[in-house]
Every structure is written in C-alpha cells, then in structure tokens.
Amino acid sequence: MRVYYKGILPDLFREGQGVVVEGTVSPNLIVFANEVLAKHDENYMPPEIYKKLKKNINTIAKTDR
C-alpha cells in the first residue's frame, strides 16, 4: 500500500519494516498518514528500560547473598 507522510519518522523505522499508520485512505487507495509508528513484536523492550531492569536485577542479586 502506498503511504504519504510528511514528518519525522520514528527512530526504530527502517526500510522494509512493518509500520502502523493512522490517517485517511483516498479513493485510489493511497494512505495519507497523520502518524507513523514502528511495529515490533511483543518481546521488544526499549534500551533505556532494559538497562534499568538489568541494573535492578544485579542489585537484588548482590543483596541476596
């Protein structure tokens, strides 16, 4: 499907990746997107959150000894 979007794409966006878009569809099946979101699987975790969890797990492991 052809999508027209004017704006900044998400950091996780890359060529050939699935995306979720919100907008309107024209009669000739072109999507005019208001928003583009990078699509990822349910196991994805942002790097910032992963680092905080890893730090907390290491802290808990040290205090359990």
C-alpha atoms as a PDB file:
ATOM      1  CA  MET A   1       0.000   0.000   0.000  1.00  0.00           C
ATOM      2  CA  ARG A   2       1.307   3.462  -0.823  1.00  0.00           C
ATOM      3  CA  VAL A   3       1.570   5.814   2.177  1.00  0.00           C
ATOM      4  CA  TYR A   4       2.133   9.570   2.094  1.00  0.00           C
ATOM      5  CA  TYR A   5       3.514  11.086   5.285  1.00  0.00           C
ATOM      6  CA  LYS A   6       5.137  14.434   5.973  1.00  0.00           C
ATOM      7  CA  GLY A   7       7.029  14.477   9.241  1.00  0.00           C
ATOM      8  CA  ILE A   8       9.779  12.810  11.237  1.00  0.00           C
ATOM      9  CA  LEU A   9       9.781   9.021  11.179  1.00  0.00           C
ATOM     10  CA  PRO A  10      10.271   7.042  14.417  1.00  0.00           C
ATOM     11  CA  ASP A  11      13.851   6.153  15.415  1.00  0.00           C
ATOM     12  CA  LEU A  12      13.075   2.450  15.013  1.00  0.00           C
ATOM     13  CA  PHE A  13      11.860   2.873  11.430  1.00  0.00           C
ATOM     14  CA  ARG A  14      13.926   1.232   8.705  1.00  0.00           C
ATOM     15  CA  GLU A  15      13.417   0.143   5.112  1.00  0.00           C
ATOM     16  CA  GLY A  16      11.240  -2.952   4.678  1.00  0.00           C
ATOM     17  CA  GLN A  17       9.950  -2.938   8.277  1.00  0.00           C
ATOM     18  CA  GLY A  18       6.269  -3.154   9.113  1.00  0.00           C
ATOM     19  CA  VAL A  19       4.651   0.007  10.451  1.00  0.00           C
ATOM     20  CA  VAL A  20       1.339   1.088  11.897  1.00  0.00           C
ATOM     21  CA  VAL A  21      -0.112   4.260  10.386  1.00  0.00           C
ATOM     22  CA  GLU A  22      -3.116   6.387  11.289  1.00  0.00           C
ATOM     23  CA  GLY A  23      -4.755   8.580   8.692  1.00  0.00           C
ATOM     24  CA  THR A  24      -7.195   8.539   5.808  1.00  0.00           C
ATOM     25  CA  VAL A  25      -7.410   6.433   2.647  1.00  0.00           C
ATOM     26  CA  SER A  26      -8.080   8.143  -0.675  1.00  0.00           C
ATOM     27  CA  PRO A  27     -10.359   6.616  -3.348  1.00  0.00           C
ATOM     28  CA  ASN A  28      -7.257   5.464  -5.253  1.00  0.00           C
ATOM     29  CA  LEU A  29      -6.020   3.592  -2.110  1.00  0.00           C
ATOM     30  CA  ILE A  30      -3.261   5.961  -1.025  1.00  0.00           C
ATOM     31  CA  VAL A  31      -2.981   6.388   2.753  1.00  0.00           C
ATOM     32  CA  PHE A  32      -2.423   9.956   3.920  1.00  0.00           C
ATOM     33  CA  ALA A  33      -0.914   9.271   7.338  1.00  0.00           C
ATOM     34  CA  ASN A  34      -1.178  11.611  10.310  1.00  0.00           C
ATOM     35  CA  GLU A  35       1.065   9.350  12.397  1.00  0.00           C
ATOM     36  CA  VAL A  36       3.574   6.567  11.685  1.00  0.00           C
ATOM     37  CA  LEU A  37       4.581   4.108  14.412  1.00  0.00           C
ATOM     38  CA  ALA A  38       7.341   1.498  14.148  1.00  0.00           C
ATOM     39  CA  LYS A  39       5.947  -2.002  14.539  1.00  0.00           C
ATOM     40  CA  HIS A  40       7.776  -4.519  16.743  1.00  0.00           C
ATOM     41  CA  ASP A  41       6.980  -7.817  18.387  1.00  0.00           C
ATOM     42  CA  GLU A  42       5.630  -8.238  21.914  1.00  0.00           C
ATOM     43  CA  ASN A  43       9.126  -9.024  23.241  1.00  0.00           C
ATOM     44  CA  TYR A  44      10.569  -5.613  22.349  1.00  0.00           C
ATOM     45  CA  MET A  45      11.922  -3.532  25.212  1.00  0.00           C
ATOM     46  CA  PRO A  46      13.346  -0.009  24.802  1.00  0.00           C
ATOM     47  CA  PRO A  47      17.095   0.077  25.607  1.00  0.00           C
ATOM     48  CA  GLU A  48      16.610   2.549  28.482  1.00  0.00           C
ATOM     49  CA  ILE A  49      14.154   0.229  30.248  1.00  0.00           C
ATOM     50  CA  TYR A  50      16.350  -2.827  29.632  1.00  0.00           C
ATOM     51  CA  LYS A  51      19.362  -1.092  31.227  1.00  0.00           C
ATOM     52  CA  LYS A  52      17.339  -0.081  34.311  1.00  0.00           C
ATOM     53  CA  LEU A  53      15.930  -3.596  34.755  1.00  0.00           C
ATOM     54  CA  LYS A  54      19.362  -5.162  34.339  1.00  0.00           C
ATOM     55  CA  LYS A  55      20.814  -2.782  36.943  1.00  0.00           C
ATOM     56  CA  ASN A  56      17.979  -3.563  39.391  1.00  0.00           C
ATOM     57  CA  ILE A  57      18.344  -7.326  38.921  1.00  0.00           C
ATOM     58  CA  ASN A  58      22.101  -7.098  39.581  1.00  0.00           C
ATOM     59  CA  THR A  59      21.455  -5.025  42.724  1.00  0.00           C
ATOM     60  CA  ILE A  60      18.907  -7.541  44.026  1.00  0.00           C
ATOM     61  CA  ALA A  61      21.258 -10.462  43.307  1.00  0.00           C
ATOM     62  CA  LYS A  62      24.059  -8.789  45.314  1.00  0.00           C
ATOM     63  CA  THR A  63      21.821  -8.136  48.338  1.00  0.00           C
ATOM     64  CA  ASP A  64      20.506 -11.743  48.396  1.00  0.00           C
ATOM     65  CA  ARG A  65      23.975 -13.149  49.139  1.00  0.00           C
END
